[in-house]
Each structure stands twice: as structure tokens, then as C-alpha cells.
Amino acid sequence: MRGRFSGLSRHIPLGAVDLYLQLPPDADLKRLDALAREANASLGRSNAKLDETIARVNTTLKKLDEIDGRLDKLAEDGLCPHDAELTR
């Protein structure tokens, strides 16, 4: 029999429990733990990069909105005849 689950949280995803139960009894759990830690660290780095990308996209969108507002103002003031024709 594998280890007991009595001390484990009930919030463990069922997929993790299934994976644990499918491991052969002689599995190198230290290597598996190291692999899981590396995967977790990689996920952390990926999340950090994603956060940076989201922040950059938000900054770019804000700048584009400002430019769009300026172009609208120029069109309203008649300083950009081509855009004024498009808004009619």
C-alpha cells in the first residue's frame, strides 16, 4: 500500500492524487520532487514574463488611446481634412 492520505489537505487536485497512485513503488521520489520544483519555478518565471507583457500592452493601449483622441481633435478642428471626411 502507498502512503496514507490522512495528513494531506482535501484541496489536493484529484489529478495529483491519481498521478501519485500511478507511480511505481520504486519511483525515485526525490527526482520527481526536484522535477516538480523546477516546473514550479519555470511557471513562476513564465507568470512574471506574462505580467510584464500585460503591463506593456496596457501602456501601449493607453498611448494609442491618447493618439486616437488627438487625431479626433485634429479632425474636429478641421486640421486633418482626410480624417474629417472619414468621420462624416
Protein backbone atom coordinates (compact mmCIF):
# COMPACT_ATOMS: atom_id res chain seq x y z
CA MET A 1 0.00 0.00 0.00
CA ARG A 2 1.19 3.52 -0.79
CA GLY A 3 1.27 6.28 1.78
CA ARG A 4 -1.75 7.31 3.77
CA PHE A 5 -3.66 10.44 2.78
CA SER A 6 -4.94 11.23 6.27
CA GLY A 7 -2.48 14.08 6.78
CA LEU A 8 -2.99 15.66 3.37
CA SER A 9 -5.22 18.58 2.62
CA ARG A 10 -8.56 17.82 1.00
CA HIS A 11 -7.78 20.52 -1.56
CA ILE A 12 -5.22 18.44 -3.45
CA PRO A 13 -6.32 18.25 -7.08
CA LEU A 14 -7.54 14.79 -8.00
CA GLY A 15 -5.10 14.68 -10.90
CA ALA A 16 -2.19 14.92 -8.46
CA VAL A 17 -3.61 12.08 -6.36
CA ASP A 18 -4.14 9.97 -9.48
CA LEU A 19 -0.55 10.64 -10.57
CA TYR A 20 0.74 9.66 -7.14
CA LEU A 21 -1.23 6.42 -7.17
CA GLN A 22 0.06 5.55 -10.65
CA LEU A 23 3.72 5.86 -9.66
CA PRO A 24 5.54 2.56 -9.35
CA PRO A 25 6.53 1.68 -5.78
CA ASP A 26 10.23 2.05 -6.62
CA ALA A 27 9.83 5.52 -8.19
CA ASP A 28 12.60 7.99 -7.41
CA LEU A 29 10.50 10.46 -5.44
CA LYS A 30 13.45 12.79 -4.86
CA ARG A 31 13.93 13.18 -8.62
CA LEU A 32 10.20 13.66 -9.08
CA ASP A 33 10.21 16.30 -6.34
CA ALA A 34 13.14 18.09 -7.99
CA LEU A 35 11.33 17.99 -11.32
CA ALA A 36 8.17 19.39 -9.73
CA ARG A 37 10.16 22.19 -8.08
CA GLU A 38 11.82 23.09 -11.39
CA ALA A 39 8.46 23.06 -13.16
CA ASN A 40 7.04 25.33 -10.45
CA ALA A 41 9.99 27.72 -10.76
CA SER A 42 9.56 27.76 -14.54
CA LEU A 43 5.87 28.53 -14.09
CA GLY A 44 6.79 31.41 -11.80
CA ARG A 45 9.16 32.84 -14.42
CA SER A 46 6.53 32.43 -17.13
CA ASN A 47 3.94 34.20 -14.99
CA ALA A 48 6.37 37.06 -14.33
CA LYS A 49 7.00 37.44 -18.08
CA LEU A 50 3.27 37.36 -18.73
CA ASP A 51 2.72 40.09 -16.12
CA GLU A 52 5.41 42.22 -17.80
CA THR A 53 3.80 41.68 -21.20
CA ILE A 54 0.34 42.60 -19.90
CA ALA A 55 1.73 45.79 -18.36
CA ARG A 56 3.44 46.69 -21.63
CA VAL A 57 0.26 46.03 -23.64
CA ASN A 58 -1.73 48.21 -21.23
CA THR A 59 0.81 51.02 -21.61
CA THR A 60 0.68 50.71 -25.40
CA LEU A 61 -3.12 50.76 -25.40
CA LYS A 62 -3.14 53.88 -23.25
CA LYS A 63 -0.76 55.62 -25.65
CA LEU A 64 -2.85 54.56 -28.65
CA ASP A 65 -5.99 55.91 -26.97
CA GLU A 66 -4.22 59.24 -26.40
CA ILE A 67 -3.11 59.38 -30.04
CA ASP A 68 -6.62 58.48 -31.20
CA GLY A 69 -8.03 61.31 -29.08
CA ARG A 70 -5.56 63.77 -30.57
CA LEU A 71 -6.43 62.67 -34.10
CA ASP A 72 -10.14 63.06 -33.33
CA LYS A 73 -9.46 66.57 -32.03
CA LEU A 74 -7.50 67.45 -35.17
CA ALA A 75 -10.33 66.15 -37.34
CA GLU A 76 -12.91 68.17 -35.36
CA ASP A 77 -10.79 71.30 -35.70
CA GLY A 78 -10.51 70.76 -39.46
CA LEU A 79 -6.75 70.37 -39.30
CA CYS A 80 -6.86 66.87 -40.70
CA PRO A 81 -9.17 67.00 -43.75
CA HIS A 82 -8.76 63.36 -44.67
CA ASP A 83 -9.96 62.17 -41.24
CA ALA A 84 -12.79 64.70 -41.28
CA GLU A 85 -14.10 63.13 -44.49
CA LEU A 86 -13.96 59.69 -42.90
CA THR A 87 -16.00 60.76 -39.86
CA ARG A 88 -18.88 62.18 -41.93
